[in-house]
Amino acid sequence: MDHVIGRGFVDTTRMYVSGCSGGGVLSSWVIGHTTRFAAAAVPLPVIDWIAMAGQTDIPLFTYSFFHQPFWEKPDEWLAHSSLMYVGHVTTPTLLMTGELDRRRRSRKPRSTRGAQDAARPDRDAALQ
């Protein structure tokens, strides 16, 4: 991305990030670690790997990302969960989930919004 920006092909004030499912994992992660995007759309993200392990129809796939199960090493699972970085998010973000999502039957995007509200109580006032 930096190479393309450096060549002058990108208006850096209008960049956005989006991704669904695995891309939602990455999109929700990146907005907690950079302020370079003007907006984000995050459909069907995994924002909490511990919750994903207990709610998904593919738990062994989820466990394969980690060296130990979450009950033995929860800090590793939490460190890779974007929910833990929600206090750093300043990017306006549209979070989307649906009842027909077979990978994760959860309301975790609501958890993210609730955490954002708690972490940045001045955010809504700034948007008015």
Foldseek 3Di string as FASTA:
>chain_A
DVVCVVVVNDDQLAAEAEDEEVSLLVRLQVLLPDDRHQAYEREHYQQQLLLLLVFFPCNVVSPVVDPDDCVVPVVVRNVSGSLVSLLSHPHHYHYHYDCPPRRGRDPVVVVSVVSNCVSCVCNVVVVD
